[in-house]
PDB file of N, CA and C in Angstrom:
ATOM      1  N   MET A   1    -133.672 -73.178  67.089  1.00  0.00           N
ATOM      2  CA  MET A   1    -133.170 -72.159  66.788  1.00  0.00           C
ATOM      3  C   MET A   1    -132.258 -71.782  65.907  1.00  0.00           C
ATOM      4  N   GLU A   2    -131.429 -71.149  64.467  1.00  0.00           N
ATOM      5  CA  GLU A   2    -130.675 -70.927  63.751  1.00  0.00           C
ATOM      6  C   GLU A   2    -130.247 -69.406  64.010  1.00  0.00           C
ATOM      7  N   GLY A   3    -129.003 -69.204  64.524  1.00  0.00           N
ATOM      8  CA  GLY A   3    -128.654 -68.375  64.747  1.00  0.00           C
ATOM      9  C   GLY A   3    -128.260 -67.322  66.045  1.00  0.00           C
ATOM     10  N   ARG A   4    -128.697 -68.118  66.929  1.00  0.00           N
ATOM     11  CA  ARG A   4    -128.950 -68.048  68.666  1.00  0.00           C
ATOM     12  C   ARG A   4    -127.455 -68.791  69.005  1.00  0.00           C
ATOM     13  N   GLU A   5    -126.720 -67.845  70.628  1.00  0.00           N
ATOM     14  CA  GLU A   5    -126.328 -68.703  71.097  1.00  0.00           C
ATOM     15  C   GLU A   5    -126.957 -69.591  72.483  1.00  0.00           C
ATOM     16  N   LEU A   6    -125.639 -70.494  72.397  1.00  0.00           N
ATOM     17  CA  LEU A   6    -126.259 -71.770  73.182  1.00  0.00           C
ATOM     18  C   LEU A   6    -125.693 -71.882  74.680  1.00  0.00           C
ATOM     19  N   THR A   7    -125.668 -71.785  75.594  1.00  0.00           N
ATOM     20  CA  THR A   7    -124.793 -72.329  76.379  1.00  0.00           C
ATOM     21  C   THR A   7    -125.243 -73.988  77.325  1.00  0.00           C
ATOM     22  N   VAL A   8    -124.392 -74.491  77.126  1.00  0.00           N
ATOM     23  CA  VAL A   8    -124.826 -76.038  77.726  1.00  0.00           C
ATOM     24  C   VAL A   8    -123.426 -76.646  79.118  1.00  0.00           C
ATOM     25  N   THR A   9    -124.298 -76.962  80.030  1.00  0.00           N
ATOM     26  CA  THR A   9    -122.832 -77.554  81.353  1.00  0.00           C
ATOM     27  C   THR A   9    -123.411 -78.706  81.460  1.00  0.00           C
ATOM     28  N   GLY A  10    -122.479 -79.805  81.619  1.00  0.00           N
ATOM     29  CA  GLY A  10    -122.986 -81.377  82.060  1.00  0.00           C
ATOM     30  C   GLY A  10    -121.394 -81.646  81.999  1.00  0.00           C
ATOM     31  N   ARG A  11    -121.308 -82.950  81.268  1.00  0.00           N
ATOM     32  CA  ARG A  11    -120.382 -84.515  81.789  1.00  0.00           C
ATOM     33  C   ARG A  11    -119.893 -84.836  80.207  1.00  0.00           C
ATOM     34  N   ILE A  12    -118.849 -84.795  79.884  1.00  0.00           N
ATOM     35  CA  ILE A  12    -118.758 -85.156  78.615  1.00  0.00           C
ATOM     36  C   ILE A  12    -119.268 -86.576  78.335  1.00  0.00           C
ATOM     37  N   ASP A  13    -119.672 -87.743  77.559  1.00  0.00           N
ATOM     38  CA  ASP A  13    -120.425 -88.574  77.458  1.00  0.00           C
ATOM     39  C   ASP A  13    -120.159 -88.886  76.514  1.00  0.00           C
ATOM     40  N   GLY A  14    -118.350 -89.050  75.993  1.00  0.00           N
ATOM     41  CA  GLY A  14    -117.658 -89.961  74.780  1.00  0.00           C
ATOM     42  C   GLY A  14    -118.424 -89.131  73.195  1.00  0.00           C
ATOM     43  N   SER A  15    -118.554 -89.735  72.312  1.00  0.00           N
ATOM     44  CA  SER A  15    -117.669 -88.406  71.035  1.00  0.00           C
ATOM     45  C   SER A  15    -118.939 -89.522  70.376  1.00  0.00           C
ATOM     46  N   VAL A  16    -119.681 -88.422  69.000  1.00  0.00           N
ATOM     47  CA  VAL A  16    -120.078 -89.115  68.093  1.00  0.00           C
ATOM     48  C   VAL A  16    -119.621 -88.132  66.881  1.00  0.00           C
ATOM     49  N   ASP A  17    -119.116 -88.894  65.276  1.00  0.00           N
ATOM     50  CA  ASP A  17    -119.281 -88.447  64.239  1.00  0.00           C
ATOM     51  C   ASP A  17    -120.238 -88.526  63.140  1.00  0.00           C
ATOM     52  N   ARG A  18    -120.166 -87.077  62.312  1.00  0.00           N
ATOM     53  CA  ARG A  18    -120.737 -86.597  61.776  1.00  0.00           C
ATOM     54  C   ARG A  18    -119.661 -85.685  60.591  1.00  0.00           C
ATOM     55  N   GLU A  19    -120.581 -85.721  59.370  1.00  0.00           N
ATOM     56  CA  GLU A  19    -120.199 -84.819  58.325  1.00  0.00           C
ATOM     57  C   GLU A  19    -120.036 -83.452  58.089  1.00  0.00           C
ATOM     58  N   ILE A  20    -119.383 -82.660  58.581  1.00  0.00           N
ATOM     59  CA  ILE A  20    -119.644 -81.514  58.266  1.00  0.00           C
ATOM     60  C   ILE A  20    -118.936 -80.536  56.437  1.00  0.00           C
ATOM     61  N   GLY A  21    -120.467 -81.057  55.672  1.00  0.00           N
ATOM     62  CA  GLY A  21    -119.504 -80.775  54.078  1.00  0.00           C
ATOM     63  C   GLY A  21    -118.581 -81.964  53.671  1.00  0.00           C
ATOM     64  N   ALA A  22    -117.263 -82.096  53.116  1.00  0.00           N
ATOM     65  CA  ALA A  22    -116.842 -83.589  52.386  1.00  0.00           C
ATOM     66  C   ALA A  22    -116.715 -84.038  54.013  1.00  0.00           C
ATOM     67  N   TYR A  23    -116.092 -83.638  55.007  1.00  0.00           N
ATOM     68  CA  TYR A  23    -115.350 -84.230  56.117  1.00  0.00           C
ATOM     69  C   TYR A  23    -115.888 -84.592  57.670  1.00  0.00           C
ATOM     70  N   LEU A  24    -115.231 -85.351  58.084  1.00  0.00           N
ATOM     71  CA  LEU A  24    -115.551 -85.957  58.862  1.00  0.00           C
ATOM     72  C   LEU A  24    -114.561 -86.113  60.646  1.00  0.00           C
ATOM     73  N   TYR A  25    -115.900 -84.824  61.198  1.00  0.00           N
ATOM     74  CA  TYR A  25    -116.148 -84.678  62.187  1.00  0.00           C
ATOM     75  C   TYR A  25    -116.296 -85.644  63.796  1.00  0.00           C
ATOM     76  N   ARG A  26    -115.077 -85.451  65.068  1.00  0.00           N
ATOM     77  CA  ARG A  26    -116.273 -86.082  66.051  1.00  0.00           C
ATOM     78  C   ARG A  26    -116.071 -84.779  66.988  1.00  0.00           C
ATOM     79  N   HIS A  27    -117.609 -85.177  67.119  1.00  0.00           N
ATOM     80  CA  HIS A  27    -117.476 -84.197  67.764  1.00  0.00           C
ATOM     81  C   HIS A  27    -118.411 -84.675  69.710  1.00  0.00           C
ATOM     82  N   PRO A  28    -118.337 -84.051  71.002  1.00  0.00           N
ATOM     83  CA  PRO A  28    -117.882 -84.667  71.649  1.00  0.00           C
ATOM     84  C   PRO A  28    -119.641 -84.742  72.442  1.00  0.00           C
ATOM     85  N   ARG A  29    -120.352 -85.908  72.569  1.00  0.00           N
ATOM     86  CA  ARG A  29    -121.610 -85.573  73.638  1.00  0.00           C
ATOM     87  C   ARG A  29    -121.373 -85.266  74.833  1.00  0.00           C
ATOM     88  N   VAL A  30    -122.356 -84.689  75.094  1.00  0.00           N
ATOM     89  CA  VAL A  30    -122.683 -84.149  76.268  1.00  0.00           C
ATOM     90  C   VAL A  30    -124.005 -84.420  77.655  1.00  0.00           C
ATOM     91  N   ASP A  31    -123.820 -85.056  78.289  1.00  0.00           N
ATOM     92  CA  ASP A  31    -125.073 -85.213  79.204  1.00  0.00           C
ATOM     93  C   ASP A  31    -125.438 -83.683  79.970  1.00  0.00           C
ATOM     94  N   ALA A  32    -126.587 -83.661  79.536  1.00  0.00           N
ATOM     95  CA  ALA A  32    -126.633 -81.906  79.519  1.00  0.00           C
ATOM     96  C   ALA A  32    -127.225 -82.086  81.479  1.00  0.00           C
ATOM     97  N   ASP A  33    -126.752 -81.102  81.830  1.00  0.00           N
ATOM     98  CA  ASP A  33    -127.188 -80.915  83.255  1.00  0.00           C
ATOM     99  C   ASP A  33    -128.340 -80.204  82.759  1.00  0.00           C
ATOM    100  N   ARG A  34    -127.850 -78.408  82.241  1.00  0.00           N
ATOM    101  CA  ARG A  34    -128.690 -77.071  82.460  1.00  0.00           C
ATOM    102  C   ARG A  34    -128.082 -76.969  80.424  1.00  0.00           C
ATOM    103  N   ILE A  35    -129.603 -76.320  79.701  1.00  0.00           N
ATOM    104  CA  ILE A  35    -129.713 -75.697  78.859  1.00  0.00           C
ATOM    105  C   ILE A  35    -129.638 -74.422  78.425  1.00  0.00           C
ATOM    106  N   TYR A  36    -128.902 -73.437  78.456  1.00  0.00           N
ATOM    107  CA  TYR A  36    -129.593 -72.174  78.421  1.00  0.00           C
ATOM    108  C   TYR A  36    -129.561 -71.461  77.213  1.00  0.00           C
ATOM    109  N   LEU A  37    -130.299 -70.783  76.782  1.00  0.00           N
ATOM    110  CA  LEU A  37    -130.666 -70.738  75.033  1.00  0.00           C
ATOM    111  C   LEU A  37    -130.774 -68.546  75.621  1.00  0.00           C
ATOM    112  N   TRP A  38    -129.607 -67.968  74.644  1.00  0.00           N
ATOM    113  CA  TRP A  38    -129.507 -66.950  75.305  1.00  0.00           C
ATOM    114  C   TRP A  38    -130.505 -66.155  74.076  1.00  0.00           C
ATOM    115  N   PRO A  39    -131.191 -65.373  75.197  1.00  0.00           N
ATOM    116  CA  PRO A  39    -131.805 -63.834  73.852  1.00  0.00           C
ATOM    117  C   PRO A  39    -131.249 -63.451  72.719  1.00  0.00           C
ATOM    118  N   GLN A  40    -132.134 -62.833  71.482  1.00  0.00           N
ATOM    119  CA  GLN A  40    -130.841 -63.281  70.342  1.00  0.00           C
ATOM    120  C   GLN A  40    -129.912 -61.278  70.793  1.00  0.00           C
ATOM    121  N   ARG A  41    -128.979 -61.166  70.183  1.00  0.00           N
ATOM    122  CA  ARG A  41    -128.259 -60.137  70.379  1.00  0.00           C
ATOM    123  C   ARG A  41    -129.074 -58.962  68.822  1.00  0.00           C
ATOM    124  N   ARG A  42    -129.307 -57.338  69.797  1.00  0.00           N
ATOM    125  CA  ARG A  42    -129.263 -57.063  69.287  1.00  0.00           C
ATOM    126  C   ARG A  42    -128.008 -55.987  68.309  1.00  0.00           C
ATOM    127  N   ASP A  43    -128.266 -55.101  67.291  1.00  0.00           N
ATOM    128  CA  ASP A  43    -127.212 -54.839  66.862  1.00  0.00           C
ATOM    129  C   ASP A  43    -126.666 -53.380  67.332  1.00  0.00           C
ATOM    130  N   THR A  44    -124.997 -53.338  67.087  1.00  0.00           N
ATOM    131  CA  THR A  44    -125.084 -52.073  68.060  1.00  0.00           C
ATOM    132  C   THR A  44    -124.251 -51.431  67.496  1.00  0.00           C
ATOM    133  N   ILE A  45    -124.045 -50.088  67.650  1.00  0.00           N
ATOM    134  CA  ILE A  45    -123.409 -49.335  66.847  1.00  0.00           C
ATOM    135  C   ILE A  45    -122.580 -48.050  67.809  1.00  0.00           C
ATOM    136  N   ILE A  46    -121.930 -48.682  67.287  1.00  0.00           N
ATOM    137  CA  ILE A  46    -119.652 -47.772  68.511  1.00  0.00           C
ATOM    138  C   ILE A  46    -119.601 -46.913  67.090  1.00  0.00           C
ATOM    139  N   TYR A  47    -119.444 -44.835  67.905  1.00  0.00           N
ATOM    140  CA  TYR A  47    -119.382 -44.096  67.910  1.00  0.00           C
ATOM    141  C   TYR A  47    -117.531 -43.944  68.305  1.00  0.00           C
ATOM    142  N   SER A  48    -116.080 -44.479  67.697  1.00  0.00           N
ATOM    143  CA  SER A  48    -115.175 -43.603  68.127  1.00  0.00           C
ATOM    144  C   SER A  48    -115.370 -42.704  68.348  1.00  0.00           C
ATOM    145  N   PRO A  49    -114.852 -41.948  69.540  1.00  0.00           N
ATOM    146  CA  PRO A  49    -114.271 -40.690  70.684  1.00  0.00           C
ATOM    147  C   PRO A  49    -113.587 -39.961  69.846  1.00  0.00           C
ATOM    148  N   GLY A  50    -112.755 -40.305  68.724  1.00  0.00           N
ATOM    149  CA  GLY A  50    -111.296 -39.749  68.210  1.00  0.00           C
ATOM    150  C   GLY A  50    -112.018 -39.632  66.388  1.00  0.00           C
ATOM    151  N   TYR A  51    -113.152 -39.433  66.848  1.00  0.00           N
ATOM    152  CA  TYR A  51    -113.559 -39.289  65.529  1.00  0.00           C
ATOM    153  C   TYR A  51    -114.027 -37.539  65.147  1.00  0.00           C
ATOM    154  N   ARG A  52    -113.299 -36.930  63.895  1.00  0.00           N
ATOM    155  CA  ARG A  52    -113.656 -35.803  64.244  1.00  0.00           C
ATOM    156  C   ARG A  52    -114.326 -35.318  61.937  1.00  0.00           C
ATOM    157  N   PRO A  53    -115.031 -34.851  61.707  1.00  0.00           N
ATOM    158  CA  PRO A  53    -115.035 -34.507  60.206  1.00  0.00           C
ATOM    159  C   PRO A  53    -114.098 -33.307  59.514  1.00  0.00           C
ATOM    160  N   TRP A  54    -113.603 -32.529  60.591  1.00  0.00           N
ATOM    161  CA  TRP A  54    -112.708 -31.903  59.639  1.00  0.00           C
ATOM    162  C   TRP A  54    -110.671 -32.185  59.988  1.00  0.00           C
ATOM    163  N   TYR A  55    -110.216 -31.463  59.314  1.00  0.00           N
ATOM    164  CA  TYR A  55    -109.124 -32.168  59.833  1.00  0.00           C
ATOM    165  C   TYR A  55    -107.943 -31.092  60.500  1.00  0.00           C
ATOM    166  N   TRP A  56    -108.533 -29.537  60.269  1.00  0.00           N
ATOM    167  CA  TRP A  56    -107.878 -28.918  60.359  1.00  0.00           C
ATOM    168  C   TRP A  56    -107.276 -28.178  62.175  1.00  0.00           C
TER     169      TRP A  56
END
């Protein structure tokens, strides 16, 4: 599920080396107790309370 947020809890169980682009990164390996896939976020529009379309 690309683009979704994920929460994982558990114990760190070593590491694994993987490439990202041309670089090698060491990532922690997690022995997961729980995995939660969050609902997809909706876009939110925030209006500033100080905005006024006039200047005088």
